[in-house]
Amino acid sequence: MYVRPRGFLRIEGLAALALAPDLSMLAYLAGPRLGSLGYNLVHTYTLPVVLGGVGFWIDADLAILVAAVWAAHIGGDRLAGYGLEYDSGFGDTHLSTQPVPSAALVDRD
C-alpha cells in the first residue's frame, strides 16, 4: 500500500491538532487560578459544540472537523481520567477527587 506524501501531512496535522487543546496548560504560568480557568475553558464541550454548530450553519467543513477533533480530545481526556481543574493546583480535578467505581469497569458476562 502506497501512501502519498499528502496523506502523511494530513496525519501529522491531525495529530498536532488533537494535542492543541493541551496548550491551554500554559495558562498555569500565570498561576493556578488563571491556569485552571484557561484549561477548563478549552476542556469543556461548550466551545467545540458552538464551533461545530457554526460550521454546520455556514457550511464550513474545516470548522466542523476542528470541532470534532477538539471534542474527541476532550473525550479522550475524560476516558483517561483527566477532568476539569480546580484552582487549588494542576492535577486536582473533578474526576480525581472521587475514586472511579471499579464495578463499572468489570465485564459482567
C-alpha atoms as a PDB file:
ATOM      1  CA  MET A   1       0.000   0.000   0.000  1.00  0.00           C
ATOM      2  CA  TYR A   2       1.390   3.351  -1.041  1.00  0.00           C
ATOM      3  CA  VAL A   3       0.522   6.474   0.915  1.00  0.00           C
ATOM      4  CA  ARG A   4       1.179   9.717  -0.864  1.00  0.00           C
ATOM      5  CA  PRO A   5       3.073  12.462   0.980  1.00  0.00           C
ATOM      6  CA  ARG A   6      -0.135  14.454   1.168  1.00  0.00           C
ATOM      7  CA  GLY A   7      -1.642  11.682   3.315  1.00  0.00           C
ATOM      8  CA  PHE A   8       1.305  11.791   5.722  1.00  0.00           C
ATOM      9  CA  LEU A   9       0.980  15.549   6.064  1.00  0.00           C
ATOM     10  CA  ARG A  10      -2.699  15.227   6.885  1.00  0.00           C
ATOM     11  CA  ILE A  11      -1.983  12.597   9.526  1.00  0.00           C
ATOM     12  CA  GLU A  12       0.694  14.844  11.068  1.00  0.00           C
ATOM     13  CA  GLY A  13      -1.724  17.765  11.066  1.00  0.00           C
ATOM     14  CA  LEU A  14      -4.429  15.694  12.728  1.00  0.00           C
ATOM     15  CA  ALA A  15      -2.015  14.548  15.471  1.00  0.00           C
ATOM     16  CA  ALA A  16      -0.903  18.124  16.134  1.00  0.00           C
ATOM     17  CA  LEU A  17      -4.490  19.368  16.185  1.00  0.00           C
ATOM     18  CA  ALA A  18      -5.517  16.596  18.579  1.00  0.00           C
ATOM     19  CA  LEU A  19      -2.951  17.809  21.120  1.00  0.00           C
ATOM     20  CA  ALA A  20      -3.533  21.546  20.593  1.00  0.00           C
ATOM     21  CA  PRO A  21      -6.068  21.933  23.448  1.00  0.00           C
ATOM     22  CA  ASP A  22      -3.333  20.931  25.891  1.00  0.00           C
ATOM     23  CA  LEU A  23      -1.527  24.175  25.091  1.00  0.00           C
ATOM     24  CA  SER A  24      -4.071  25.732  27.455  1.00  0.00           C
ATOM     25  CA  MET A  25      -1.909  24.362  30.292  1.00  0.00           C
ATOM     26  CA  LEU A  26       0.434  27.262  29.597  1.00  0.00           C
ATOM     27  CA  ALA A  27      -2.087  29.441  31.430  1.00  0.00           C
ATOM     28  CA  TYR A  28      -0.733  27.871  34.628  1.00  0.00           C
ATOM     29  CA  LEU A  29       2.336  30.061  34.161  1.00  0.00           C
ATOM     30  CA  ALA A  30       0.081  32.908  35.349  1.00  0.00           C
ATOM     31  CA  GLY A  31      -0.891  30.980  38.482  1.00  0.00           C
ATOM     32  CA  PRO A  32      -3.298  28.224  39.459  1.00  0.00           C
ATOM     33  CA  ARG A  33      -6.446  30.360  39.337  1.00  0.00           C
ATOM     34  CA  LEU A  34      -5.921  31.611  35.784  1.00  0.00           C
ATOM     35  CA  GLY A  35      -4.409  28.276  34.812  1.00  0.00           C
ATOM     36  CA  SER A  36      -7.463  26.305  35.828  1.00  0.00           C
ATOM     37  CA  LEU A  37      -9.746  28.858  34.177  1.00  0.00           C
ATOM     38  CA  GLY A  38      -7.847  28.660  30.883  1.00  0.00           C
ATOM     39  CA  TYR A  39      -7.603  24.879  30.966  1.00  0.00           C
ATOM     40  CA  ASN A  40     -11.279  24.407  31.828  1.00  0.00           C
ATOM     41  CA  LEU A  41     -12.420  26.843  29.167  1.00  0.00           C
ATOM     42  CA  VAL A  42     -10.701  24.785  26.486  1.00  0.00           C
ATOM     43  CA  HIS A  43     -11.584  21.403  28.007  1.00  0.00           C
ATOM     44  CA  THR A  44     -15.361  21.677  28.125  1.00  0.00           C
ATOM     45  CA  TYR A  45     -17.604  20.648  25.265  1.00  0.00           C
ATOM     46  CA  THR A  46     -19.209  24.097  25.001  1.00  0.00           C
ATOM     47  CA  LEU A  47     -16.744  25.692  22.595  1.00  0.00           C
ATOM     48  CA  PRO A  48     -16.368  22.736  20.204  1.00  0.00           C
ATOM     49  CA  VAL A  49     -20.157  22.344  20.073  1.00  0.00           C
ATOM     50  CA  VAL A  50     -20.547  26.038  19.251  1.00  0.00           C
ATOM     51  CA  LEU A  51     -17.773  25.860  16.644  1.00  0.00           C
ATOM     52  CA  GLY A  52     -19.321  22.748  15.080  1.00  0.00           C
ATOM     53  CA  GLY A  53     -22.765  24.328  15.070  1.00  0.00           C
ATOM     54  CA  VAL A  54     -21.497  27.498  13.423  1.00  0.00           C
ATOM     55  CA  GLY A  55     -19.544  25.404  10.949  1.00  0.00           C
ATOM     56  CA  PHE A  56     -22.661  23.449  10.112  1.00  0.00           C
ATOM     57  CA  TRP A  57     -24.736  26.622   9.829  1.00  0.00           C
ATOM     58  CA  ILE A  58     -22.338  28.359   7.440  1.00  0.00           C
ATOM     59  CA  ASP A  59     -21.303  25.142   5.680  1.00  0.00           C
ATOM     60  CA  ALA A  60     -17.650  25.341   6.763  1.00  0.00           C
ATOM     61  CA  ASP A  61     -16.247  21.816   6.724  1.00  0.00           C
ATOM     62  CA  LEU A  62     -12.969  22.837   8.343  1.00  0.00           C
ATOM     63  CA  ALA A  63     -14.777  24.252  11.391  1.00  0.00           C
ATOM     64  CA  ILE A  64     -16.772  21.037  11.743  1.00  0.00           C
ATOM     65  CA  LEU A  65     -13.635  18.893  11.515  1.00  0.00           C
ATOM     66  CA  VAL A  66     -11.752  21.016  14.052  1.00  0.00           C
ATOM     67  CA  ALA A  67     -14.736  20.831  16.399  1.00  0.00           C
ATOM     68  CA  ALA A  68     -14.885  17.042  16.023  1.00  0.00           C
ATOM     69  CA  VAL A  69     -11.174  16.600  16.774  1.00  0.00           C
ATOM     70  CA  TRP A  70     -11.456  19.023  19.697  1.00  0.00           C
ATOM     71  CA  ALA A  71     -14.412  17.115  21.156  1.00  0.00           C
ATOM     72  CA  ALA A  72     -12.564  13.824  20.658  1.00  0.00           C
ATOM     73  CA  HIS A  73      -9.609  15.241  22.597  1.00  0.00           C
ATOM     74  CA  ILE A  74     -11.893  16.149  25.491  1.00  0.00           C
ATOM     75  CA  GLY A  75     -13.488  12.705  25.395  1.00  0.00           C
ATOM     76  CA  GLY A  76     -10.070  11.068  25.378  1.00  0.00           C
ATOM     77  CA  ASP A  77      -9.042  13.124  28.388  1.00  0.00           C
ATOM     78  CA  ARG A  78     -12.163  12.073  30.284  1.00  0.00           C
ATOM     79  CA  LEU A  79     -11.564   8.437  29.336  1.00  0.00           C
ATOM     80  CA  ALA A  80      -8.016   8.693  30.669  1.00  0.00           C
ATOM     81  CA  GLY A  81      -9.305  10.197  33.912  1.00  0.00           C
ATOM     82  CA  TYR A  82      -8.379  13.841  33.314  1.00  0.00           C
ATOM     83  CA  GLY A  83     -11.102  16.196  34.405  1.00  0.00           C
ATOM     84  CA  LEU A  84     -11.772  19.865  34.858  1.00  0.00           C
ATOM     85  CA  GLU A  85      -9.230  21.510  37.128  1.00  0.00           C
ATOM     86  CA  TYR A  86      -9.808  23.157  40.479  1.00  0.00           C
ATOM     87  CA  ASP A  87      -7.864  26.318  41.231  1.00  0.00           C
ATOM     88  CA  SER A  88      -6.038  24.522  44.040  1.00  0.00           C
ATOM     89  CA  GLY A  89      -3.425  23.341  41.542  1.00  0.00           C
ATOM     90  CA  PHE A  90      -2.858  21.335  38.417  1.00  0.00           C
ATOM     91  CA  GLY A  91      -3.899  17.721  38.853  1.00  0.00           C
ATOM     92  CA  ASP A  92      -6.692  18.377  41.331  1.00  0.00           C
ATOM     93  CA  THR A  93      -9.682  17.647  39.094  1.00  0.00           C
ATOM     94  CA  HIS A  94     -13.351  16.896  39.416  1.00  0.00           C
ATOM     95  CA  LEU A  95     -12.525  13.298  38.468  1.00  0.00           C
ATOM     96  CA  SER A  96      -9.502  12.795  40.708  1.00  0.00           C
ATOM     97  CA  THR A  97     -11.220  13.769  43.948  1.00  0.00           C
ATOM     98  CA  GLN A  98     -13.553  10.794  43.725  1.00  0.00           C
ATOM     99  CA  PRO A  99     -12.445   7.221  43.095  1.00  0.00           C
ATOM    100  CA  VAL A 100     -13.603   5.556  39.919  1.00  0.00           C
ATOM    101  CA  PRO A 101     -16.158   2.848  40.753  1.00  0.00           C
ATOM    102  CA  SER A 102     -14.319  -0.306  39.749  1.00  0.00           C
ATOM    103  CA  ALA A 103     -17.595  -2.241  39.399  1.00  0.00           C
ATOM    104  CA  ALA A 104     -18.417  -0.156  36.328  1.00  0.00           C
ATOM    105  CA  LEU A 105     -15.219  -1.335  34.664  1.00  0.00           C
ATOM    106  CA  VAL A 106     -15.791  -5.053  35.213  1.00  0.00           C
ATOM    107  CA  ASP A 107     -17.363  -7.119  32.443  1.00  0.00           C
ATOM    108  CA  ARG A 108     -20.384  -8.927  33.885  1.00  0.00           C
ATOM    109  CA  ASP A 109     -20.831 -11.656  31.256  1.00  0.00           C
END
